[in-house]
Amino acid sequence: TRPESPAAELEPEAVWRARLEREAEEQYLRERHRQRMARLQANDSAYDSPIAVDVDKLRTATHSVPGASPAGAITARGGSAADLYGAALQAGLNGQNLDPNAQRPKEDFFNADLKELGYLPNQVVPQQSLYELKRGSVIPATLITGINSDLPGRITAQVSQNVYDSATGHRLLIPQGAKLFGRYDSKVSFGQSRVLVVWTDIIFPNGSTLQVGGMAGTDTEGYGGFNDKVNNHYLKTFGSAVLLAIIGTGIDMALPESSTLATQDTASDAARRNFAETFGRVAERTINKNLDVQPTLEIRPGYKFNVLVDQDIMFPGPYRG
């Protein structure tokens, strides 16, 4: 067989020209479709943007300061739709960086002191003595004398457990059986159920004394004040109201309305009215006094509590009886 000539393998000119035109047209259509999709995307971004872009104001600002463009500013060179779409798209992208949960102010508030100071002004203070009871420690105790908040008074208690130093926990500082001396507050407001107690002195079994100022007493769970029994005097308050109602009913039954048709009151009507008004005023004052009675807080002897140490205490040495 004879090989085919090279001219027979070549496409006719009309065929390959038509193919090139078709490929060029397809490329042109793809480019138009891409540009159209880009415009639609920019349009959607402009509608979704929370910031309105005024092209005229931007143009005025640009002309007033020639050659200067602030950081982050959107400059529009013309009033065409493409410029507006581009500016709105940029504004929308910038708006996505906003903090909807306001986390930045929270972080600034938390780190305010760190930003201002950098370093803490206070330095670590070494231990001054081997026999120290640091602030935050507690002294367990049991109440000896009771508490009644009707009047202020003094109270005593007894340390129920040995108290050791804060550093090692092996050096005895306050022995079990030491006495505590303090006072309590009698100012009680309505709805209050805890009495305020402070302790001023520690009396050791060997006769030595330590004044601790006014350290607060807390219950075994750490809540401030003591809570045991509360008397709100409900019987006195509501009993007075019931008594007044009974007396008023008795007065009405004992002095019935006069059946006379005269417009002038009879002597019995005047006496009944005056008596009722006078008695009503006295009864109102009595009820008001009973309503103003503050609750009575009672803490019974044997109440277990803790003394919260709020200042470092240095002892001369371990306790020796």
C-alpha atoms as a PDB file:
ATOM      1  CA  THR A   1       0.000   0.000   0.000  1.00  0.00           C
ATOM      2  CA  ARG A   2       1.152   3.501  -0.702  1.00  0.00           C
ATOM      3  CA  PRO A   3       1.407   5.944   2.240  1.00  0.00           C
ATOM      4  CA  GLU A   4      -1.060   8.821   2.241  1.00  0.00           C
ATOM      5  CA  SER A   5       0.229  12.184   1.249  1.00  0.00           C
ATOM      6  CA  PRO A   6       0.650  14.926   3.949  1.00  0.00           C
ATOM      7  CA  ALA A   7      -1.885  17.101   2.145  1.00  0.00           C
ATOM      8  CA  ALA A   8      -4.570  14.464   2.696  1.00  0.00           C
ATOM      9  CA  GLU A   9      -4.044  14.578   6.568  1.00  0.00           C
ATOM     10  CA  LEU A  10      -4.583  18.369   6.794  1.00  0.00           C
ATOM     11  CA  GLU A  11      -8.098  19.746   7.497  1.00  0.00           C
ATOM     12  CA  PRO A  12      -9.583  22.049   5.028  1.00  0.00           C
ATOM     13  CA  GLU A  13      -9.101  25.721   5.757  1.00  0.00           C
ATOM     14  CA  ALA A  14     -12.786  26.369   6.167  1.00  0.00           C
ATOM     15  CA  VAL A  15     -13.067  23.649   8.818  1.00  0.00           C
ATOM     16  CA  TRP A  16     -10.285  24.816  11.089  1.00  0.00           C
ATOM     17  CA  ARG A  17     -11.276  28.462  10.687  1.00  0.00           C
ATOM     18  CA  ALA A  18     -14.802  27.566  11.777  1.00  0.00           C
ATOM     19  CA  ARG A  19     -13.435  25.661  14.786  1.00  0.00           C
ATOM     20  CA  LEU A  20     -11.278  28.614  15.853  1.00  0.00           C
ATOM     21  CA  GLU A  21     -14.209  31.003  15.578  1.00  0.00           C
ATOM     22  CA  ARG A  22     -16.362  28.650  17.631  1.00  0.00           C
ATOM     23  CA  GLU A  23     -13.698  28.366  20.363  1.00  0.00           C
ATOM     24  CA  ALA A  24     -13.241  32.144  20.430  1.00  0.00           C
ATOM     25  CA  GLU A  25     -16.992  32.641  20.736  1.00  0.00           C
ATOM     26  CA  GLU A  26     -17.190  30.118  23.577  1.00  0.00           C
ATOM     27  CA  GLN A  27     -14.346  31.858  25.386  1.00  0.00           C
ATOM     28  CA  TYR A  28     -16.097  35.210  24.925  1.00  0.00           C
ATOM     29  CA  LEU A  29     -19.337  33.804  26.318  1.00  0.00           C
ATOM     30  CA  ARG A  30     -17.535  32.320  29.324  1.00  0.00           C
ATOM     31  CA  GLU A  31     -15.875  35.658  30.056  1.00  0.00           C
ATOM     32  CA  ARG A  32     -19.207  37.500  29.833  1.00  0.00           C
ATOM     33  CA  HIS A  33     -20.797  34.939  32.140  1.00  0.00           C
ATOM     34  CA  ARG A  34     -17.951  35.363  34.643  1.00  0.00           C
ATOM     35  CA  GLN A  35     -18.300  39.144  34.632  1.00  0.00           C
ATOM     36  CA  ARG A  36     -22.062  38.880  35.028  1.00  0.00           C
ATOM     37  CA  MET A  37     -21.704  36.572  38.040  1.00  0.00           C
ATOM     38  CA  ALA A  38     -19.158  38.961  39.582  1.00  0.00           C
ATOM     39  CA  ARG A  39     -21.590  41.870  39.216  1.00  0.00           C
ATOM     40  CA  LEU A  40     -24.395  39.844  40.776  1.00  0.00           C
ATOM     41  CA  GLN A  41     -22.168  38.888  43.700  1.00  0.00           C
ATOM     42  CA  ALA A  42     -21.132  42.507  44.229  1.00  0.00           C
ATOM     43  CA  ASN A  43     -24.772  43.552  44.078  1.00  0.00           C
ATOM     44  CA  ASP A  44     -25.750  40.999  46.731  1.00  0.00           C
ATOM     45  CA  SER A  45     -22.868  42.107  48.948  1.00  0.00           C
ATOM     46  CA  ALA A  46     -23.981  45.725  48.593  1.00  0.00           C
ATOM     47  CA  TYR A  47     -27.515  44.857  49.649  1.00  0.00           C
ATOM     48  CA  ASP A  48     -26.289  42.813  52.632  1.00  0.00           C
ATOM     49  CA  SER A  49     -23.806  45.454  53.774  1.00  0.00           C
ATOM     50  CA  PRO A  50     -24.848  47.245  57.026  1.00  0.00           C
ATOM     51  CA  ILE A  51     -22.950  50.379  56.008  1.00  0.00           C
ATOM     52  CA  ALA A  52     -24.284  52.901  53.515  1.00  0.00           C
ATOM     53  CA  VAL A  53     -21.576  54.338  51.270  1.00  0.00           C
ATOM     54  CA  ASP A  54     -22.074  57.925  50.097  1.00  0.00           C
ATOM     55  CA  VAL A  55     -19.915  58.271  46.999  1.00  0.00           C
ATOM     56  CA  ASP A  56     -20.373  62.061  46.840  1.00  0.00           C
ATOM     57  CA  LYS A  57     -19.040  62.535  50.369  1.00  0.00           C
ATOM     58  CA  LEU A  58     -16.089  60.294  49.611  1.00  0.00           C
ATOM     59  CA  ARG A  59     -15.357  62.239  46.446  1.00  0.00           C
ATOM     60  CA  THR A  60     -15.593  65.547  48.364  1.00  0.00           C
ATOM     61  CA  ALA A  61     -13.251  64.299  51.065  1.00  0.00           C
ATOM     62  CA  THR A  62     -10.802  63.101  48.432  1.00  0.00           C
ATOM     63  CA  HIS A  63     -10.791  66.458  46.635  1.00  0.00           C
ATOM     64  CA  SER A  64     -10.462  68.458  49.867  1.00  0.00           C
ATOM     65  CA  VAL A  65      -7.296  66.577  50.858  1.00  0.00           C
ATOM     66  CA  PRO A  66      -5.461  65.850  47.614  1.00  0.00           C
ATOM     67  CA  GLY A  67      -3.091  62.942  47.676  1.00  0.00           C
ATOM     68  CA  ALA A  68      -4.131  61.865  51.168  1.00  0.00           C
ATOM     69  CA  SER A  69      -6.242  58.827  51.817  1.00  0.00           C
ATOM     70  CA  PRO A  70      -6.862  57.724  55.421  1.00  0.00           C
ATOM     71  CA  ALA A  71      -6.319  54.126  56.364  1.00  0.00           C
ATOM     72  CA  GLY A  72      -9.362  52.008  55.786  1.00  0.00           C
ATOM     73  CA  ALA A  73     -11.197  54.702  53.739  1.00  0.00           C
ATOM     74  CA  ILE A  74     -13.096  53.688  50.595  1.00  0.00           C
ATOM     75  CA  THR A  75     -12.359  56.038  47.688  1.00  0.00           C
ATOM     76  CA  ALA A  76     -14.715  56.173  44.720  1.00  0.00           C
ATOM     77  CA  ARG A  77     -13.284  57.689  41.518  1.00  0.00           C
ATOM     78  CA  GLY A  78     -16.587  57.915  39.774  1.00  0.00           C
ATOM     79  CA  GLY A  79     -20.264  57.609  40.240  1.00  0.00           C
ATOM     80  CA  SER A  80     -20.662  54.493  38.132  1.00  0.00           C
ATOM     81  CA  ALA A  81     -22.440  51.388  39.359  1.00  0.00           C
ATOM     82  CA  ALA A  82     -19.206  49.400  39.317  1.00  0.00           C
ATOM     83  CA  ASP A  83     -17.582  51.869  41.736  1.00  0.00           C
ATOM     84  CA  LEU A  84     -20.599  51.750  44.012  1.00  0.00           C
ATOM     85  CA  TYR A  85     -20.597  47.948  43.987  1.00  0.00           C
ATOM     86  CA  GLY A  86     -16.903  47.838  44.775  1.00  0.00           C
ATOM     87  CA  ALA A  87     -17.208  50.310  47.642  1.00  0.00           C
ATOM     88  CA  ALA A  88     -20.195  48.494  49.111  1.00  0.00           C
ATOM     89  CA  LEU A  89     -18.441  45.154  48.807  1.00  0.00           C
ATOM     90  CA  GLN A  90     -15.401  46.509  50.655  1.00  0.00           C
ATOM     91  CA  ALA A  91     -17.644  47.962  53.373  1.00  0.00           C
ATOM     92  CA  GLY A  92     -19.424  44.653  53.737  1.00  0.00           C
ATOM     93  CA  LEU A  93     -16.159  42.804  54.141  1.00  0.00           C
ATOM     94  CA  ASN A  94     -15.060  45.310  56.777  1.00  0.00           C
ATOM     95  CA  GLY A  95     -18.388  44.939  58.576  1.00  0.00           C
ATOM     96  CA  GLN A  96     -17.837  41.203  58.924  1.00  0.00           C
ATOM     97  CA  ASN A  97     -14.904  41.924  61.240  1.00  0.00           C
ATOM     98  CA  LEU A  98     -17.175  43.547  63.850  1.00  0.00           C
ATOM     99  CA  ASP A  99     -17.555  41.884  67.250  1.00  0.00           C
ATOM    100  CA  PRO A 100     -21.276  41.090  67.698  1.00  0.00           C
ATOM    101  CA  ASN A 101     -20.792  39.732  71.231  1.00  0.00           C
ATOM    102  CA  ALA A 102     -18.707  42.688  72.459  1.00  0.00           C
ATOM    103  CA  GLN A 103     -15.837  40.475  73.536  1.00  0.00           C
ATOM    104  CA  ARG A 104     -13.244  43.212  73.058  1.00  0.00           C
ATOM    105  CA  PRO A 105     -14.648  45.485  75.825  1.00  0.00           C
ATOM    106  CA  LYS A 106     -14.790  42.485  78.145  1.00  0.00           C
ATOM    107  CA  GLU A 107     -11.142  41.691  77.494  1.00  0.00           C
ATOM    108  CA  ASP A 108     -10.206  45.346  77.971  1.00  0.00           C
ATOM    109  CA  PHE A 109     -12.055  45.446  81.303  1.00  0.00           C
ATOM    110  CA  PHE A 110     -10.372  42.243  82.467  1.00  0.00           C
ATOM    111  CA  ASN A 111      -6.902  43.413  81.432  1.00  0.00           C
ATOM    112  CA  ALA A 112      -7.302  47.079  82.442  1.00  0.00           C
ATOM    113  CA  ASP A 113      -5.033  46.801  85.462  1.00  0.00           C
ATOM    114  CA  LEU A 114      -2.440  44.816  83.523  1.00  0.00           C
ATOM    115  CA  LYS A 115      -2.328  47.442  80.782  1.00  0.00           C
ATOM    116  CA  GLU A 116      -1.951  50.273  83.266  1.00  0.00           C
ATOM    117  CA  LEU A 117       0.564  48.677  85.596  1.00  0.00           C
ATOM    118  CA  GLY A 118       2.452  46.065  83.652  1.00  0.00           C
ATOM    119  CA  TYR A 119       4.018  44.810  86.882  1.00  0.00           C
ATOM    120  CA  LEU A 120       2.426  44.460  90.280  1.00  0.00           C
ATOM    121  CA  PRO A 121       3.658  47.198  92.610  1.00  0.00           C
ATOM    122  CA  ASN A 122       3.847  44.759  95.517  1.00  0.00           C
ATOM    123  CA  GLN A 123       6.543  42.149  95.842  1.00  0.00           C
ATOM    124  CA  VAL A 124       6.550  38.788  97.531  1.00  0.00           C
ATOM    125  CA  VAL A 125       7.046  39.223 101.266  1.00  0.00           C
ATOM    126  CA  PRO A 126       9.041  36.397 102.859  1.00  0.00           C
ATOM    127  CA  GLN A 127       7.804  34.701 105.965  1.00  0.00           C
ATOM    128  CA  GLN A 128       8.666  36.798 109.008  1.00  0.00           C
ATOM    129  CA  SER A 129       8.499  34.004 111.551  1.00  0.00           C
ATOM    130  CA  LEU A 130       8.265  30.246 111.735  1.00  0.00           C
ATOM    131  CA  TYR A 131       5.198  30.627 113.896  1.00  0.00           C
ATOM    132  CA  GLU A 132       2.723  32.463 111.697  1.00  0.00           C
ATOM    133  CA  LEU A 133      -0.981  32.016 111.172  1.00  0.00           C
ATOM    134  CA  LYS A 134      -1.772  33.509 107.772  1.00  0.00           C
ATOM    135  CA  ARG A 135      -4.912  35.346 106.781  1.00  0.00           C
ATOM    136  CA  GLY A 136      -7.587  33.053 105.434  1.00  0.00           C
ATOM    137  CA  SER A 137      -7.009  30.473 108.147  1.00  0.00           C
ATOM    138  CA  VAL A 138      -9.876  29.480 110.431  1.00  0.00           C
ATOM    139  CA  ILE A 139     -10.091  28.792 114.150  1.00  0.00           C
ATOM    140  CA  PRO A 140     -12.802  26.191 114.894  1.00  0.00           C
ATOM    141  CA  ALA A 141     -14.753  26.911 118.070  1.00  0.00           C
ATOM    142  CA  THR A 142     -17.965  26.199 119.975  1.00  0.00           C
ATOM    143  CA  LEU A 143     -20.211  28.854 121.486  1.00  0.00           C
ATOM    144  CA  ILE A 144     -20.452  28.800 125.296  1.00  0.00           C
ATOM    145  CA  THR A 145     -22.860  31.672 125.985  1.00  0.00           C
ATOM    146  CA  GLY A 146     -26.063  32.147 124.021  1.00  0.00           C
ATOM    147  CA  ILE A 147     -26.989  35.105 121.845  1.00  0.00           C
ATOM    148  CA  ASN A 148     -30.250  37.064 121.875  1.00  0.00           C
ATOM    149  CA  SER A 149     -30.414  40.018 119.495  1.00  0.00           C
ATOM    150  CA  ASP A 150     -32.893  42.032 121.561  1.00  0.00           C
ATOM    151  CA  LEU A 151     -29.892  43.631 123.290  1.00  0.00           C
ATOM    152  CA  PRO A 152     -26.190  43.799 122.362  1.00  0.00           C
ATOM    153  CA  GLY A 153     -23.810  41.893 124.556  1.00  0.00           C
ATOM    154  CA  ARG A 154     -20.567  40.012 125.042  1.00  0.00           C
ATOM    155  CA  ILE A 155     -20.075  36.336 124.349  1.00  0.00           C
ATOM    156  CA  THR A 156     -17.489  33.647 124.976  1.00  0.00           C
ATOM    157  CA  ALA A 157     -16.554  30.511 123.103  1.00  0.00           C
ATOM    158  CA  GLN A 158     -14.008  27.716 123.301  1.00  0.00           C
ATOM    159  CA  VAL A 159     -11.583  26.547 120.613  1.00  0.00           C
ATOM    160  CA  SER A 160     -12.639  23.033 119.618  1.00  0.00           C
ATOM    161  CA  GLN A 161      -9.516  21.935 117.670  1.00  0.00           C
ATOM    162  CA  ASN A 162      -5.790  22.582 117.774  1.00  0.00           C
ATOM    163  CA  VAL A 163      -4.625  25.278 115.366  1.00  0.00           C
ATOM    164  CA  TYR A 164      -1.181  24.895 113.755  1.00  0.00           C
ATOM    165  CA  ASP A 165       1.051  27.215 111.727  1.00  0.00           C
ATOM    166  CA  SER A 166       0.156  27.888 108.102  1.00  0.00           C
ATOM    167  CA  ALA A 167       3.549  26.964 106.594  1.00  0.00           C
ATOM    168  CA  THR A 168       4.076  23.426 107.874  1.00  0.00           C
ATOM    169  CA  GLY A 169       0.965  22.555 109.853  1.00  0.00           C
ATOM    170  CA  HIS A 170       3.093  20.917 112.585  1.00  0.00           C
ATOM    171  CA  ARG A 171       3.774  23.753 115.048  1.00  0.00           C
ATOM    172  CA  LEU A 172       1.001  24.182 117.599  1.00  0.00           C
ATOM    173  CA  LEU A 173      -0.054  27.823 117.957  1.00  0.00           C
ATOM    174  CA  ILE A 174      -3.550  27.788 119.523  1.00  0.00           C
ATOM    175  CA  PRO A 175      -4.418  24.736 121.621  1.00  0.00           C
ATOM    176  CA  GLN A 176      -7.793  23.142 121.961  1.00  0.00           C
ATOM    177  CA  GLY A 177      -9.599  24.584 124.973  1.00  0.00           C
ATOM    178  CA  ALA A 178      -8.459  28.187 124.510  1.00  0.00           C
ATOM    179  CA  LYS A 179     -11.188  30.751 125.174  1.00  0.00           C
ATOM    180  CA  LEU A 180     -12.512  33.318 122.724  1.00  0.00           C
ATOM    181  CA  PHE A 181     -14.058  36.601 123.794  1.00  0.00           C
ATOM    182  CA  GLY A 182     -16.201  38.734 121.485  1.00  0.00           C
ATOM    183  CA  ARG A 183     -19.387  40.689 120.954  1.00  0.00           C
ATOM    184  CA  TYR A 184     -22.468  40.603 118.742  1.00  0.00           C
ATOM    185  CA  ASP A 185     -24.613  43.229 117.057  1.00  0.00           C
ATOM    186  CA  SER A 186     -28.275  43.752 117.991  1.00  0.00           C
ATOM    187  CA  LYS A 187     -29.265  45.798 114.921  1.00  0.00           C
ATOM    188  CA  VAL A 188     -31.548  43.474 112.991  1.00  0.00           C
ATOM    189  CA  SER A 189     -33.580  44.469 109.931  1.00  0.00           C
ATOM    190  CA  PHE A 190     -36.797  42.854 108.763  1.00  0.00           C
ATOM    191  CA  GLY A 191     -36.137  39.599 106.949  1.00  0.00           C
ATOM    192  CA  GLN A 192     -32.677  39.218 108.475  1.00  0.00           C
ATOM    193  CA  SER A 193     -31.854  35.751 109.773  1.00  0.00           C
ATOM    194  CA  ARG A 194     -28.160  36.065 110.690  1.00  0.00           C
ATOM    195  CA  VAL A 195     -26.541  37.910 113.568  1.00  0.00           C
ATOM    196  CA  LEU A 196     -23.184  39.642 113.140  1.00  0.00           C
ATOM    197  CA  VAL A 197     -20.465  38.420 115.522  1.00  0.00           C
ATOM    198  CA  VAL A 198     -16.856  39.571 115.943  1.00  0.00           C
ATOM    199  CA  TRP A 199     -14.131  38.156 118.180  1.00  0.00           C
ATOM    200  CA  THR A 200     -11.634  40.415 119.914  1.00  0.00           C
ATOM    201  CA  ASP A 201      -9.481  38.288 122.264  1.00  0.00           C
ATOM    202  CA  ILE A 202      -7.959  34.828 122.578  1.00  0.00           C
ATOM    203  CA  ILE A 203      -7.242  33.629 126.112  1.00  0.00           C
ATOM    204  CA  PHE A 204      -4.779  30.719 126.246  1.00  0.00           C
ATOM    205  CA  PRO A 205      -4.932  28.005 128.911  1.00  0.00           C
ATOM    206  CA  ASN A 206      -1.598  29.181 130.364  1.00  0.00           C
ATOM    207  CA  GLY A 207      -3.097  32.636 131.065  1.00  0.00           C
ATOM    208  CA  SER A 208      -1.594  34.565 128.159  1.00  0.00           C
ATOM    209  CA  THR A 209      -3.867  36.752 126.037  1.00  0.00           C
ATOM    210  CA  LEU A 210      -3.818  37.815 122.396  1.00  0.00           C
ATOM    211  CA  GLN A 211      -5.932  40.703 121.111  1.00  0.00           C
ATOM    212  CA  VAL A 212      -7.029  40.017 117.540  1.00  0.00           C
ATOM    213  CA  GLY A 213      -8.977  43.221 116.856  1.00  0.00           C
ATOM    214  CA  GLY A 214     -12.361  42.246 115.439  1.00  0.00           C
ATOM    215  CA  MET A 215     -12.243  39.032 113.440  1.00  0.00           C
ATOM    216  CA  ALA A 216     -15.532  37.879 111.984  1.00  0.00           C
ATOM    217  CA  GLY A 217     -17.320  34.712 112.935  1.00  0.00           C
ATOM    218  CA  THR A 218     -18.687  32.419 110.217  1.00  0.00           C
ATOM    219  CA  ASP A 219     -20.664  29.219 110.262  1.00  0.00           C
ATOM    220  CA  THR A 220     -19.084  25.879 109.412  1.00  0.00           C
ATOM    221  CA  GLU A 221     -19.821  26.409 105.695  1.00  0.00           C
ATOM    222  CA  GLY A 222     -18.165  29.824 105.564  1.00  0.00           C
ATOM    223  CA  TYR A 223     -21.249  32.054 105.486  1.00  0.00           C
ATOM    224  CA  GLY A 224     -20.918  35.282 107.432  1.00  0.00           C
ATOM    225  CA  GLY A 225     -22.779  35.568 110.719  1.00  0.00           C
ATOM    226  CA  PHE A 226     -24.560  32.983 112.851  1.00  0.00           C
ATOM    227  CA  ASN A 227     -27.944  31.490 111.998  1.00  0.00           C
ATOM    228  CA  ASP A 228     -30.008  29.411 114.408  1.00  0.00           C
ATOM    229  CA  LYS A 229     -33.505  30.453 115.537  1.00  0.00           C
ATOM    230  CA  VAL A 230     -35.540  33.411 114.241  1.00  0.00           C
ATOM    231  CA  ASN A 231     -38.595  34.863 115.994  1.00  0.00           C
ATOM    232  CA  ASN A 232     -40.521  37.244 113.714  1.00  0.00           C
ATOM    233  CA  HIS A 233     -43.209  37.938 116.381  1.00  0.00           C
ATOM    234  CA  TYR A 234     -46.051  36.988 114.068  1.00  0.00           C
ATOM    235  CA  LEU A 235     -48.292  36.118 117.030  1.00  0.00           C
ATOM    236  CA  LYS A 236     -47.894  39.571 118.525  1.00  0.00           C
ATOM    237  CA  THR A 237     -48.526  41.335 115.216  1.00  0.00           C
ATOM    238  CA  PHE A 238     -51.525  39.385 113.982  1.00  0.00           C
ATOM    239  CA  GLY A 239     -52.870  38.825 117.496  1.00  0.00           C
ATOM    240  CA  SER A 240     -53.247  42.571 117.964  1.00  0.00           C
ATOM    241  CA  ALA A 241     -55.157  42.853 114.696  1.00  0.00           C
ATOM    242  CA  VAL A 242     -57.493  40.003 115.664  1.00  0.00           C
ATOM    243  CA  LEU A 243     -58.047  41.522 119.093  1.00  0.00           C
ATOM    244  CA  LEU A 244     -58.983  44.870 117.570  1.00  0.00           C
ATOM    245  CA  ALA A 245     -61.427  43.223 115.200  1.00  0.00           C
ATOM    246  CA  ILE A 246     -63.099  41.383 118.081  1.00  0.00           C
ATOM    247  CA  ILE A 247     -63.348  44.526 120.205  1.00  0.00           C
ATOM    248  CA  GLY A 248     -64.782  46.534 117.316  1.00  0.00           C
ATOM    249  CA  THR A 249     -67.393  43.880 116.650  1.00  0.00           C
ATOM    250  CA  GLY A 250     -68.334  43.837 120.331  1.00  0.00           C
ATOM    251  CA  ILE A 251     -68.802  47.599 120.350  1.00  0.00           C
ATOM    252  CA  ASP A 252     -71.112  47.453 117.339  1.00  0.00           C
ATOM    253  CA  MET A 253     -73.160  44.706 118.945  1.00  0.00           C
ATOM    254  CA  ALA A 254     -73.389  46.441 122.336  1.00  0.00           C
ATOM    255  CA  LEU A 255     -74.430  49.790 120.854  1.00  0.00           C
ATOM    256  CA  PRO A 256     -76.787  49.136 117.948  1.00  0.00           C
ATOM    257  CA  GLU A 257     -77.941  51.839 115.571  1.00  0.00           C
ATOM    258  CA  SER A 258     -80.687  54.129 116.870  1.00  0.00           C
ATOM    259  CA  SER A 259     -84.091  53.599 115.260  1.00  0.00           C
ATOM    260  CA  THR A 260     -85.175  57.256 115.601  1.00  0.00           C
ATOM    261  CA  LEU A 261     -86.049  59.065 112.413  1.00  0.00           C
ATOM    262  CA  ALA A 262     -84.740  62.404 113.611  1.00  0.00           C
ATOM    263  CA  THR A 263     -81.808  63.863 111.817  1.00  0.00           C
ATOM    264  CA  GLN A 264     -80.107  64.818 115.074  1.00  0.00           C
ATOM    265  CA  ASP A 265     -77.957  62.090 116.646  1.00  0.00           C
ATOM    266  CA  THR A 266     -79.000  60.764 119.975  1.00  0.00           C
ATOM    267  CA  ALA A 267     -76.720  60.715 122.990  1.00  0.00           C
ATOM    268  CA  SER A 268     -76.025  57.019 122.547  1.00  0.00           C
ATOM    269  CA  ASP A 269     -75.036  57.529 118.902  1.00  0.00           C
ATOM    270  CA  ALA A 270     -72.641  60.326 119.807  1.00  0.00           C
ATOM    271  CA  ALA A 271     -71.124  58.302 122.627  1.00  0.00           C
ATOM    272  CA  ARG A 272     -70.712  55.254 120.410  1.00  0.00           C
ATOM    273  CA  ARG A 273     -69.114  57.302 117.636  1.00  0.00           C
ATOM    274  CA  ASN A 274     -66.679  59.097 119.934  1.00  0.00           C
ATOM    275  CA  PHE A 275     -65.743  55.884 121.675  1.00  0.00           C
ATOM    276  CA  ALA A 276     -65.161  54.089 118.373  1.00  0.00           C
ATOM    277  CA  GLU A 277     -62.997  56.893 116.963  1.00  0.00           C
ATOM    278  CA  THR A 278     -60.882  57.198 120.105  1.00  0.00           C
ATOM    279  CA  PHE A 279     -60.458  53.473 120.433  1.00  0.00           C
ATOM    280  CA  GLY A 280     -59.605  53.191 116.729  1.00  0.00           C
ATOM    281  CA  ARG A 281     -56.787  55.730 117.033  1.00  0.00           C
ATOM    282  CA  VAL A 282     -55.343  53.992 120.081  1.00  0.00           C
ATOM    283  CA  ALA A 283     -55.616  50.609 118.389  1.00  0.00           C
ATOM    284  CA  GLU A 284     -53.864  51.895 115.248  1.00  0.00           C
ATOM    285  CA  ARG A 285     -50.954  53.193 117.287  1.00  0.00           C
ATOM    286  CA  THR A 286     -50.715  49.887 119.119  1.00  0.00           C
ATOM    287  CA  ILE A 287     -50.644  47.907 115.876  1.00  0.00           C
ATOM    288  CA  ASN A 288     -48.010  50.207 114.378  1.00  0.00           C
ATOM    289  CA  LYS A 289     -45.790  49.659 117.398  1.00  0.00           C
ATOM    290  CA  ASN A 290     -46.198  45.905 117.103  1.00  0.00           C
ATOM    291  CA  LEU A 291     -45.382  46.057 113.396  1.00  0.00           C
ATOM    292  CA  ASP A 292     -42.177  47.964 114.106  1.00  0.00           C
ATOM    293  CA  VAL A 293     -40.817  45.243 116.388  1.00  0.00           C
ATOM    294  CA  GLN A 294     -37.654  43.818 114.819  1.00  0.00           C
ATOM    295  CA  PRO A 295     -37.122  40.054 114.600  1.00  0.00           C
ATOM    296  CA  THR A 296     -35.318  38.365 117.469  1.00  0.00           C
ATOM    297  CA  LEU A 297     -32.356  36.174 116.517  1.00  0.00           C
ATOM    298  CA  GLU A 298     -31.346  33.521 119.003  1.00  0.00           C
ATOM    299  CA  ILE A 299     -28.143  31.477 118.881  1.00  0.00           C
ATOM    300  CA  ARG A 300     -28.130  28.667 121.399  1.00  0.00           C
ATOM    301  CA  PRO A 301     -25.037  27.540 123.344  1.00  0.00           C
ATOM    302  CA  GLY A 302     -23.123  24.743 121.642  1.00  0.00           C
ATOM    303  CA  TYR A 303     -23.314  26.358 118.210  1.00  0.00           C
ATOM    304  CA  LYS A 304     -20.270  25.341 116.124  1.00  0.00           C
ATOM    305  CA  PHE A 305     -18.560  28.030 114.060  1.00  0.00           C
ATOM    306  CA  ASN A 306     -15.214  29.272 112.735  1.00  0.00           C
ATOM    307  CA  VAL A 307     -13.265  32.458 113.343  1.00  0.00           C
ATOM    308  CA  LEU A 308     -11.961  33.769 110.015  1.00  0.00           C
ATOM    309  CA  VAL A 309      -8.417  35.139 110.374  1.00  0.00           C
ATOM    310  CA  ASP A 310      -8.203  38.326 108.276  1.00  0.00           C
ATOM    311  CA  GLN A 311      -4.694  39.447 109.334  1.00  0.00           C
ATOM    312  CA  ASP A 312      -1.416  37.573 109.646  1.00  0.00           C
ATOM    313  CA  ILE A 313      -0.677  36.650 113.264  1.00  0.00           C
ATOM    314  CA  MET A 314       2.900  36.089 114.466  1.00  0.00           C
ATOM    315  CA  PHE A 315       3.361  34.044 117.632  1.00  0.00           C
ATOM    316  CA  PRO A 316       6.537  34.170 119.749  1.00  0.00           C
ATOM    317  CA  GLY A 317       6.868  30.418 119.522  1.00  0.00           C
ATOM    318  CA  PRO A 318       4.939  27.171 119.705  1.00  0.00           C
ATOM    319  CA  TYR A 319       2.413  26.929 122.476  1.00  0.00           C
ATOM    320  CA  ARG A 320       3.706  25.296 125.616  1.00  0.00           C
ATOM    321  CA  GLY A 321       1.267  24.726 128.436  1.00  0.00           C
END
